[in-house]
N, C-alpha and C. Protein backbone atom coordinates (compact mmCIF):
# COMPACT_ATOMS: atom_id res chain seq x y z
N MET A 1 -9.35 3.30 -15.48
CA MET A 1 -9.05 4.13 -16.64
C MET A 1 -7.97 3.42 -17.46
N LEU A 2 -8.20 3.31 -18.74
CA LEU A 2 -7.25 2.69 -19.66
C LEU A 2 -6.81 3.73 -20.67
N THR A 3 -5.50 3.80 -20.88
CA THR A 3 -4.95 4.76 -21.83
C THR A 3 -3.85 4.10 -22.65
N THR A 4 -3.62 4.63 -23.84
CA THR A 4 -2.48 4.21 -24.64
C THR A 4 -1.37 5.22 -24.38
N LEU A 5 -0.23 4.73 -23.95
CA LEU A 5 0.89 5.61 -23.59
C LEU A 5 1.63 6.05 -24.84
N LYS A 6 1.91 7.33 -24.90
CA LYS A 6 2.58 7.91 -26.06
C LYS A 6 4.09 7.93 -25.81
N THR A 7 4.68 6.76 -25.91
CA THR A 7 6.12 6.63 -25.67
C THR A 7 6.59 5.30 -26.24
N SER A 8 7.89 5.15 -26.33
CA SER A 8 8.42 3.84 -26.71
C SER A 8 8.42 2.95 -25.47
N TYR A 9 8.51 1.67 -25.69
CA TYR A 9 8.50 0.70 -24.62
C TYR A 9 9.89 0.69 -23.97
N THR A 10 10.03 1.34 -22.81
CA THR A 10 11.34 1.60 -22.20
C THR A 10 11.95 0.39 -21.51
N ASP A 11 11.22 -0.18 -20.55
CA ASP A 11 11.82 -1.30 -19.81
C ASP A 11 11.33 -2.59 -20.45
N THR A 12 12.21 -3.22 -21.20
CA THR A 12 11.80 -4.32 -22.05
C THR A 12 11.97 -5.69 -21.42
N ARG A 13 12.48 -5.76 -20.19
CA ARG A 13 12.65 -7.04 -19.52
C ARG A 13 12.25 -6.90 -18.06
N ALA A 14 11.64 -7.94 -17.53
CA ALA A 14 11.27 -7.94 -16.12
C ALA A 14 12.49 -7.72 -15.23
N ASP A 15 13.63 -8.26 -15.64
CA ASP A 15 14.85 -8.13 -14.84
C ASP A 15 15.37 -6.69 -14.76
N ASP A 16 14.87 -5.80 -15.63
CA ASP A 16 15.32 -4.40 -15.62
C ASP A 16 14.64 -3.57 -14.54
N LEU A 17 13.57 -4.09 -13.94
CA LEU A 17 12.85 -3.31 -12.93
C LEU A 17 13.65 -3.17 -11.65
N ALA A 18 13.56 -1.99 -11.06
CA ALA A 18 14.18 -1.70 -9.77
C ALA A 18 13.11 -1.09 -8.87
N TRP A 19 13.37 -1.07 -7.58
CA TRP A 19 12.42 -0.58 -6.58
C TRP A 19 13.10 0.53 -5.78
N ALA A 20 12.33 1.55 -5.43
CA ALA A 20 12.87 2.64 -4.61
C ALA A 20 11.74 3.27 -3.79
N LEU A 21 12.08 3.68 -2.59
CA LEU A 21 11.18 4.45 -1.73
C LEU A 21 11.71 5.87 -1.64
N GLY A 22 10.80 6.84 -1.54
CA GLY A 22 11.20 8.21 -1.25
C GLY A 22 11.67 9.03 -2.42
N ARG A 23 11.53 8.55 -3.64
CA ARG A 23 11.95 9.36 -4.79
C ARG A 23 10.97 10.49 -5.04
N GLU A 24 11.48 11.57 -5.54
CA GLU A 24 10.65 12.70 -5.95
C GLU A 24 9.78 12.26 -7.12
N PRO A 25 8.66 12.95 -7.34
CA PRO A 25 7.81 12.60 -8.49
C PRO A 25 8.60 12.66 -9.80
N LEU A 26 8.48 11.61 -10.58
CA LEU A 26 9.13 11.52 -11.88
C LEU A 26 8.14 11.92 -12.96
N PRO A 27 8.61 12.31 -14.15
CA PRO A 27 7.68 12.67 -15.22
C PRO A 27 6.74 11.50 -15.52
N ALA A 28 5.44 11.79 -15.56
CA ALA A 28 4.43 10.76 -15.76
C ALA A 28 3.75 10.90 -17.12
N LEU A 29 3.38 9.77 -17.70
CA LEU A 29 2.65 9.75 -18.96
C LEU A 29 1.14 9.73 -18.72
N ALA A 30 0.74 9.24 -17.55
CA ALA A 30 -0.68 9.22 -17.16
C ALA A 30 -0.74 9.24 -15.65
N VAL A 31 -1.75 9.94 -15.11
CA VAL A 31 -1.89 10.10 -13.66
C VAL A 31 -3.36 9.93 -13.28
N LEU A 32 -3.59 9.27 -12.15
CA LEU A 32 -4.93 9.17 -11.59
C LEU A 32 -4.85 9.62 -10.13
N ASP A 33 -5.54 10.73 -9.81
CA ASP A 33 -5.60 11.24 -8.45
C ASP A 33 -6.81 10.65 -7.75
N LEU A 34 -6.58 10.11 -6.56
CA LEU A 34 -7.66 9.49 -5.78
C LEU A 34 -7.68 10.05 -4.37
N GLU A 35 -8.84 10.05 -3.76
CA GLU A 35 -8.96 10.32 -2.33
C GLU A 35 -9.69 9.12 -1.74
N LEU A 36 -9.01 8.43 -0.83
CA LEU A 36 -9.54 7.22 -0.21
C LEU A 36 -9.68 7.46 1.28
N SER A 37 -10.86 7.86 1.72
CA SER A 37 -11.14 8.10 3.15
C SER A 37 -10.09 8.98 3.80
N GLY A 38 -9.79 10.11 3.17
CA GLY A 38 -8.85 11.07 3.74
C GLY A 38 -7.42 10.93 3.25
N ALA A 39 -7.09 9.83 2.64
CA ALA A 39 -5.74 9.63 2.09
C ALA A 39 -5.72 10.09 0.64
N LYS A 40 -4.74 10.92 0.28
CA LYS A 40 -4.58 11.33 -1.10
C LYS A 40 -3.56 10.40 -1.75
N LEU A 41 -3.98 9.81 -2.85
CA LEU A 41 -3.14 8.84 -3.54
C LEU A 41 -3.04 9.25 -4.99
N GLN A 42 -1.84 9.20 -5.53
CA GLN A 42 -1.65 9.49 -6.94
C GLN A 42 -0.97 8.29 -7.58
N LEU A 43 -1.70 7.68 -8.52
CA LEU A 43 -1.15 6.57 -9.30
C LEU A 43 -0.55 7.18 -10.56
N ARG A 44 0.71 6.82 -10.85
CA ARG A 44 1.43 7.44 -11.96
C ARG A 44 2.04 6.37 -12.85
N LEU A 45 1.75 6.45 -14.14
CA LEU A 45 2.39 5.58 -15.12
C LEU A 45 3.57 6.33 -15.71
N LEU A 46 4.71 5.72 -15.65
CA LEU A 46 5.94 6.32 -16.17
C LEU A 46 6.30 5.63 -17.49
N GLY A 47 7.16 6.23 -18.26
CA GLY A 47 7.66 5.55 -19.45
C GLY A 47 8.41 4.29 -19.09
N ALA A 48 8.84 4.22 -17.83
CA ALA A 48 9.61 3.08 -17.36
C ALA A 48 8.89 2.31 -16.25
N SER A 49 7.61 2.42 -16.13
CA SER A 49 6.71 1.63 -15.28
C SER A 49 5.84 2.46 -14.35
N HIS A 50 5.99 2.38 -13.00
CA HIS A 50 5.01 3.08 -12.15
C HIS A 50 5.63 3.79 -10.96
N GLN A 51 4.83 4.75 -10.44
CA GLN A 51 5.16 5.44 -9.19
C GLN A 51 3.83 5.71 -8.48
N VAL A 52 3.82 5.52 -7.16
CA VAL A 52 2.64 5.82 -6.35
C VAL A 52 3.06 6.80 -5.27
N LEU A 53 2.29 7.89 -5.15
CA LEU A 53 2.53 8.91 -4.13
C LEU A 53 1.34 8.90 -3.18
N LEU A 54 1.63 8.79 -1.88
CA LEU A 54 0.60 8.74 -0.85
C LEU A 54 0.84 9.87 0.14
N GLU A 55 -0.25 10.56 0.51
CA GLU A 55 -0.17 11.62 1.52
C GLU A 55 -1.40 11.51 2.42
N GLU A 56 -1.14 11.54 3.73
CA GLU A 56 -2.23 11.51 4.70
C GLU A 56 -1.72 12.05 6.03
N ASP A 57 -2.50 12.94 6.61
CA ASP A 57 -2.16 13.52 7.92
C ASP A 57 -0.74 14.08 7.97
N GLY A 58 -0.32 14.75 6.89
CA GLY A 58 1.01 15.36 6.84
C GLY A 58 2.15 14.38 6.61
N ARG A 59 1.85 13.11 6.45
CA ARG A 59 2.88 12.11 6.17
C ARG A 59 2.84 11.74 4.70
N THR A 60 3.98 11.35 4.16
CA THR A 60 4.05 10.98 2.75
C THR A 60 4.81 9.68 2.55
N CYS A 61 4.52 9.03 1.44
CA CYS A 61 5.23 7.82 1.02
C CYS A 61 5.27 7.84 -0.49
N SER A 62 6.43 7.55 -1.06
CA SER A 62 6.59 7.49 -2.50
C SER A 62 7.23 6.16 -2.85
N GLU A 63 6.56 5.38 -3.68
CA GLU A 63 7.09 4.09 -4.15
C GLU A 63 7.29 4.17 -5.64
N THR A 64 8.45 3.74 -6.10
CA THR A 64 8.74 3.69 -7.53
C THR A 64 9.21 2.30 -7.90
N VAL A 65 8.58 1.71 -8.88
CA VAL A 65 9.03 0.44 -9.47
C VAL A 65 9.18 0.73 -10.95
N ALA A 66 10.43 0.76 -11.41
CA ALA A 66 10.68 1.18 -12.78
C ALA A 66 12.09 0.80 -13.20
N CYS A 67 12.34 0.95 -14.48
CA CYS A 67 13.68 0.82 -15.01
C CYS A 67 14.38 2.15 -14.73
N MET A 68 15.28 2.15 -13.75
CA MET A 68 15.92 3.39 -13.31
C MET A 68 17.42 3.28 -13.54
N PRO A 69 17.93 3.94 -14.56
CA PRO A 69 19.37 3.88 -14.80
C PRO A 69 20.16 4.29 -13.55
N GLY A 70 21.17 3.51 -13.24
CA GLY A 70 22.01 3.82 -12.09
C GLY A 70 21.46 3.34 -10.76
N SER A 71 20.28 2.72 -10.77
CA SER A 71 19.72 2.22 -9.52
C SER A 71 20.46 0.97 -9.09
N SER A 72 20.75 0.89 -7.81
CA SER A 72 21.45 -0.28 -7.30
C SER A 72 20.52 -1.20 -6.52
N THR A 73 19.22 -0.91 -6.51
CA THR A 73 18.27 -1.72 -5.76
C THR A 73 17.37 -2.47 -6.72
N PRO A 74 17.68 -3.75 -7.00
CA PRO A 74 16.81 -4.53 -7.87
C PRO A 74 15.45 -4.74 -7.20
N LEU A 75 14.52 -5.26 -7.95
CA LEU A 75 13.20 -5.51 -7.43
C LEU A 75 13.27 -6.60 -6.36
N PRO A 76 12.93 -6.27 -5.11
CA PRO A 76 13.01 -7.27 -4.04
C PRO A 76 11.76 -8.16 -4.04
N LEU A 77 11.89 -9.36 -3.46
CA LEU A 77 10.73 -10.22 -3.29
C LEU A 77 9.82 -9.67 -2.21
N GLY A 78 10.41 -9.01 -1.20
CA GLY A 78 9.61 -8.44 -0.14
C GLY A 78 10.38 -7.42 0.67
N VAL A 79 9.63 -6.44 1.20
CA VAL A 79 10.19 -5.39 2.06
C VAL A 79 9.16 -5.10 3.14
N SER A 80 9.63 -4.92 4.35
CA SER A 80 8.76 -4.50 5.44
C SER A 80 9.56 -3.51 6.27
N LYS A 81 9.05 -2.26 6.37
CA LYS A 81 9.77 -1.24 7.12
C LYS A 81 8.83 -0.12 7.54
N ARG A 82 9.31 0.74 8.42
CA ARG A 82 8.54 1.92 8.82
C ARG A 82 8.90 3.06 7.88
N VAL A 83 7.84 3.74 7.39
CA VAL A 83 8.01 4.87 6.49
C VAL A 83 7.07 5.96 6.96
N GLY A 84 7.60 7.10 7.36
CA GLY A 84 6.76 8.23 7.75
C GLY A 84 5.77 7.92 8.85
N GLY A 85 6.14 7.04 9.77
CA GLY A 85 5.25 6.66 10.86
C GLY A 85 4.28 5.55 10.50
N TRP A 86 4.34 5.05 9.28
CA TRP A 86 3.50 3.95 8.84
C TRP A 86 4.30 2.66 8.78
N GLU A 87 3.58 1.57 8.76
CA GLU A 87 4.16 0.27 8.39
C GLU A 87 4.01 0.14 6.88
N TYR A 88 5.10 -0.14 6.20
CA TYR A 88 5.11 -0.30 4.75
C TYR A 88 5.49 -1.74 4.44
N GLU A 89 4.67 -2.40 3.63
CA GLU A 89 4.97 -3.76 3.19
C GLU A 89 4.84 -3.84 1.68
N PHE A 90 5.84 -4.45 1.06
CA PHE A 90 5.89 -4.58 -0.40
C PHE A 90 6.26 -6.03 -0.72
N ALA A 91 5.63 -6.58 -1.73
CA ALA A 91 5.98 -7.91 -2.20
C ALA A 91 5.90 -7.93 -3.72
N ALA A 92 6.77 -8.72 -4.34
CA ALA A 92 6.79 -8.83 -5.80
C ALA A 92 7.05 -10.28 -6.19
N ARG A 93 6.49 -10.63 -7.33
CA ARG A 93 6.77 -11.95 -7.89
C ARG A 93 6.71 -11.84 -9.41
N VAL A 94 7.36 -12.76 -10.08
CA VAL A 94 7.35 -12.82 -11.54
C VAL A 94 6.64 -14.10 -11.95
N GLU A 95 5.61 -13.95 -12.78
CA GLU A 95 4.90 -15.11 -13.34
C GLU A 95 5.37 -15.29 -14.78
N THR A 96 5.72 -16.52 -15.15
CA THR A 96 6.07 -16.83 -16.54
C THR A 96 4.94 -17.68 -17.11
N LEU A 97 4.36 -17.20 -18.21
CA LEU A 97 3.18 -17.82 -18.79
C LEU A 97 3.41 -18.21 -20.24
N SER A 98 2.66 -19.20 -20.72
CA SER A 98 2.71 -19.55 -22.14
C SER A 98 2.06 -18.41 -22.94
N ASP A 99 2.28 -18.40 -24.26
CA ASP A 99 1.72 -17.32 -25.09
C ASP A 99 0.21 -17.20 -24.92
N GLY A 100 -0.52 -18.32 -25.02
CA GLY A 100 -1.97 -18.29 -24.89
C GLY A 100 -2.41 -17.86 -23.50
N SER A 101 -1.75 -18.36 -22.47
CA SER A 101 -2.09 -17.98 -21.10
C SER A 101 -1.79 -16.51 -20.85
N PHE A 102 -0.68 -16.03 -21.42
CA PHE A 102 -0.30 -14.63 -21.23
C PHE A 102 -1.35 -13.70 -21.82
N ALA A 103 -1.78 -13.99 -23.04
CA ALA A 103 -2.78 -13.13 -23.70
C ALA A 103 -4.08 -13.11 -22.90
N GLY A 104 -4.52 -14.25 -22.44
CA GLY A 104 -5.76 -14.32 -21.65
C GLY A 104 -5.65 -13.57 -20.34
N ARG A 105 -4.53 -13.74 -19.66
CA ARG A 105 -4.30 -13.05 -18.38
C ARG A 105 -4.22 -11.54 -18.60
N ALA A 106 -3.54 -11.12 -19.67
CA ALA A 106 -3.43 -9.69 -19.98
C ALA A 106 -4.80 -9.09 -20.22
N GLN A 107 -5.63 -9.76 -21.01
CA GLN A 107 -6.98 -9.24 -21.29
C GLN A 107 -7.80 -9.15 -20.01
N GLU A 108 -7.70 -10.16 -19.17
CA GLU A 108 -8.44 -10.18 -17.90
C GLU A 108 -8.02 -9.01 -17.00
N LEU A 109 -6.72 -8.79 -16.86
CA LEU A 109 -6.22 -7.72 -15.99
C LEU A 109 -6.58 -6.34 -16.54
N LEU A 110 -6.41 -6.14 -17.84
CA LEU A 110 -6.74 -4.84 -18.43
C LEU A 110 -8.22 -4.54 -18.26
N ALA A 111 -9.09 -5.52 -18.43
CA ALA A 111 -10.53 -5.31 -18.24
C ALA A 111 -10.84 -4.97 -16.79
N LEU A 112 -10.21 -5.68 -15.85
CA LEU A 112 -10.44 -5.43 -14.43
C LEU A 112 -10.06 -4.00 -14.06
N VAL A 113 -8.87 -3.58 -14.45
CA VAL A 113 -8.36 -2.27 -14.05
C VAL A 113 -9.05 -1.14 -14.82
N ALA A 114 -9.29 -1.32 -16.10
CA ALA A 114 -9.90 -0.26 -16.92
C ALA A 114 -11.27 0.14 -16.40
N ASP A 115 -12.03 -0.80 -15.87
CA ASP A 115 -13.39 -0.52 -15.42
C ASP A 115 -13.48 -0.18 -13.94
N HIS A 116 -12.38 -0.19 -13.23
CA HIS A 116 -12.40 0.06 -11.78
C HIS A 116 -12.18 1.55 -11.51
N PRO A 117 -12.97 2.16 -10.60
CA PRO A 117 -12.81 3.59 -10.34
C PRO A 117 -11.46 3.96 -9.70
N HIS A 118 -10.75 2.99 -9.14
CA HIS A 118 -9.44 3.25 -8.53
C HIS A 118 -8.33 2.55 -9.32
N GLY A 119 -8.56 2.37 -10.62
CA GLY A 119 -7.58 1.67 -11.45
C GLY A 119 -7.05 2.54 -12.57
N LEU A 120 -5.79 2.32 -12.91
CA LEU A 120 -5.14 3.02 -14.02
C LEU A 120 -4.28 2.01 -14.76
N ALA A 121 -4.48 1.93 -16.07
CA ALA A 121 -3.69 1.03 -16.91
C ALA A 121 -3.27 1.76 -18.17
N GLY A 122 -2.07 1.47 -18.61
CA GLY A 122 -1.57 2.04 -19.85
C GLY A 122 -0.92 0.97 -20.70
N THR A 123 -1.30 0.94 -21.98
CA THR A 123 -0.68 0.01 -22.91
C THR A 123 0.39 0.76 -23.69
N PHE A 124 1.45 0.03 -24.03
CA PHE A 124 2.56 0.61 -24.78
C PHE A 124 2.39 0.29 -26.25
N PRO A 125 2.81 1.20 -27.14
CA PRO A 125 2.73 0.94 -28.57
C PRO A 125 3.54 -0.31 -28.93
N GLY A 126 3.05 -1.04 -29.91
CA GLY A 126 3.80 -2.20 -30.39
C GLY A 126 3.19 -3.53 -30.00
N SER A 127 2.51 -3.59 -28.85
CA SER A 127 1.86 -4.83 -28.44
C SER A 127 0.66 -4.50 -27.56
N PRO A 128 -0.50 -5.09 -27.84
CA PRO A 128 -1.65 -4.81 -26.99
C PRO A 128 -1.48 -5.38 -25.58
N TYR A 129 -0.51 -6.27 -25.42
CA TYR A 129 -0.31 -6.90 -24.11
C TYR A 129 0.92 -6.39 -23.39
N ALA A 130 1.55 -5.33 -23.90
CA ALA A 130 2.63 -4.65 -23.18
C ALA A 130 1.97 -3.52 -22.39
N PHE A 131 1.88 -3.69 -21.07
CA PHE A 131 1.15 -2.71 -20.28
C PHE A 131 1.70 -2.65 -18.86
N THR A 132 1.31 -1.55 -18.20
CA THR A 132 1.48 -1.40 -16.75
C THR A 132 0.11 -1.03 -16.21
N ALA A 133 -0.28 -1.66 -15.10
CA ALA A 133 -1.59 -1.40 -14.52
C ALA A 133 -1.47 -1.29 -13.01
N LEU A 134 -2.28 -0.40 -12.41
CA LEU A 134 -2.30 -0.19 -10.96
C LEU A 134 -3.75 -0.18 -10.49
N LEU A 135 -3.97 -0.72 -9.31
CA LEU A 135 -5.30 -0.76 -8.72
C LEU A 135 -5.15 -0.51 -7.22
N ALA A 136 -5.89 0.48 -6.68
CA ALA A 136 -5.75 0.89 -5.28
C ALA A 136 -7.04 0.68 -4.52
N GLN A 137 -6.90 0.56 -3.19
CA GLN A 137 -8.07 0.47 -2.31
C GLN A 137 -7.68 0.89 -0.90
N ARG A 138 -8.70 1.20 -0.12
CA ARG A 138 -8.51 1.49 1.31
C ARG A 138 -9.23 0.37 2.04
N HIS A 139 -8.55 -0.26 2.99
CA HIS A 139 -9.14 -1.39 3.72
C HIS A 139 -8.63 -1.39 5.15
N GLU A 140 -9.55 -1.34 6.10
CA GLU A 140 -9.22 -1.39 7.53
C GLU A 140 -8.12 -0.41 7.91
N GLY A 141 -8.25 0.84 7.44
CA GLY A 141 -7.30 1.89 7.80
C GLY A 141 -5.99 1.86 7.04
N GLN A 142 -5.84 0.94 6.13
CA GLN A 142 -4.62 0.86 5.33
C GLN A 142 -4.93 1.22 3.88
N VAL A 143 -3.93 1.77 3.20
CA VAL A 143 -4.02 2.00 1.76
C VAL A 143 -3.22 0.88 1.10
N ARG A 144 -3.84 0.27 0.13
CA ARG A 144 -3.20 -0.87 -0.55
C ARG A 144 -3.25 -0.65 -2.05
N TRP A 145 -2.23 -1.14 -2.73
CA TRP A 145 -2.27 -1.13 -4.18
C TRP A 145 -1.56 -2.35 -4.73
N ARG A 146 -2.03 -2.74 -5.90
CA ARG A 146 -1.41 -3.85 -6.64
C ARG A 146 -1.01 -3.31 -8.00
N THR A 147 0.05 -3.87 -8.55
CA THR A 147 0.48 -3.46 -9.88
C THR A 147 0.83 -4.69 -10.71
N TRP A 148 0.73 -4.49 -12.02
CA TRP A 148 1.09 -5.54 -12.97
C TRP A 148 1.92 -4.88 -14.07
N HIS A 149 3.05 -5.47 -14.37
CA HIS A 149 3.94 -4.99 -15.43
C HIS A 149 4.11 -6.15 -16.42
N ALA A 150 3.63 -5.98 -17.64
CA ALA A 150 3.58 -7.07 -18.60
C ALA A 150 4.71 -6.99 -19.62
N TYR A 151 5.35 -8.13 -19.84
CA TYR A 151 6.45 -8.26 -20.80
C TYR A 151 6.10 -9.40 -21.76
N PRO A 152 5.28 -9.12 -22.79
CA PRO A 152 4.80 -10.19 -23.67
C PRO A 152 5.91 -10.90 -24.42
N GLN A 153 6.98 -10.21 -24.76
CA GLN A 153 8.06 -10.85 -25.50
C GLN A 153 8.76 -11.93 -24.68
N GLU A 154 8.66 -11.86 -23.35
CA GLU A 154 9.24 -12.88 -22.47
C GLU A 154 8.17 -13.78 -21.86
N GLY A 155 6.89 -13.40 -22.06
CA GLY A 155 5.81 -14.15 -21.42
C GLY A 155 5.82 -13.97 -19.91
N GLN A 156 6.31 -12.81 -19.45
CA GLN A 156 6.42 -12.57 -18.01
C GLN A 156 5.53 -11.43 -17.55
N LEU A 157 4.98 -11.63 -16.37
CA LEU A 157 4.14 -10.65 -15.71
C LEU A 157 4.72 -10.43 -14.32
N VAL A 158 5.13 -9.19 -14.05
CA VAL A 158 5.63 -8.84 -12.72
C VAL A 158 4.44 -8.30 -11.93
N VAL A 159 4.17 -8.92 -10.80
CA VAL A 159 3.03 -8.58 -9.96
C VAL A 159 3.57 -8.06 -8.63
N THR A 160 3.08 -6.88 -8.21
CA THR A 160 3.49 -6.35 -6.90
C THR A 160 2.25 -6.05 -6.08
N ARG A 161 2.43 -6.06 -4.77
CA ARG A 161 1.37 -5.60 -3.88
C ARG A 161 2.03 -4.82 -2.76
N THR A 162 1.37 -3.74 -2.35
CA THR A 162 1.89 -2.85 -1.32
C THR A 162 0.78 -2.55 -0.33
N ARG A 163 1.17 -2.45 0.93
CA ARG A 163 0.24 -2.10 2.00
C ARG A 163 0.93 -1.06 2.86
N VAL A 164 0.24 0.08 3.10
CA VAL A 164 0.80 1.17 3.91
C VAL A 164 -0.25 1.56 4.93
N GLY A 165 0.14 1.67 6.19
CA GLY A 165 -0.78 2.11 7.24
C GLY A 165 -0.36 1.58 8.59
N ALA A 166 -1.31 1.63 9.49
CA ALA A 166 -1.04 1.12 10.85
C ALA A 166 -0.84 -0.39 10.76
N ARG A 167 -0.05 -0.90 11.67
CA ARG A 167 0.19 -2.34 11.72
C ARG A 167 -1.11 -3.06 12.01
N MET A 168 -1.36 -4.13 11.26
CA MET A 168 -2.56 -4.92 11.48
C MET A 168 -2.36 -5.79 12.71
N PRO A 169 -3.38 -5.92 13.58
CA PRO A 169 -3.25 -6.81 14.73
C PRO A 169 -3.08 -8.25 14.28
N ALA A 170 -2.29 -8.99 15.02
CA ALA A 170 -2.06 -10.40 14.68
C ALA A 170 -3.35 -11.19 14.89
N ALA A 171 -3.61 -12.10 13.97
CA ALA A 171 -4.80 -12.96 14.09
C ALA A 171 -4.59 -13.95 15.23
N LEU A 172 -5.63 -14.17 16.00
CA LEU A 172 -5.53 -15.13 17.11
C LEU A 172 -5.95 -16.49 16.67
């Protein structure tokens, strides 16, 4: 699902993003409710980026990646911890692209997410390539999601991936 967000572009730099677990639902500009093999997942686009709410078997997990005034937790490169009886893994990276590469990558990502039944993307007024996009899936008992936060004025794309569920057995 692709939507145009009715708000100003709040978080204008990749460095402004912060990460938090366990926050209450924040006001959302667009929401996609999903059920993935018994897991209820809500993808939420905020004026300041994204929030994902997961509920399954009475357990919950809330992830927020956004520009959060007063937050003391910058966006980490990686997190691995137990949350609500699950294993939670988060990773983030920042890609810096040339103008031409950025536009092409933005178009590719928006097309991928807009046409996916478990995808939600929102573009911000002012630039067709200022967007936040989320894509979720269920795989081998885990719920996974990826996100993209685009900052065309800097040529930066913040990419995150999250995995929540039972610990995967180590490969032999």
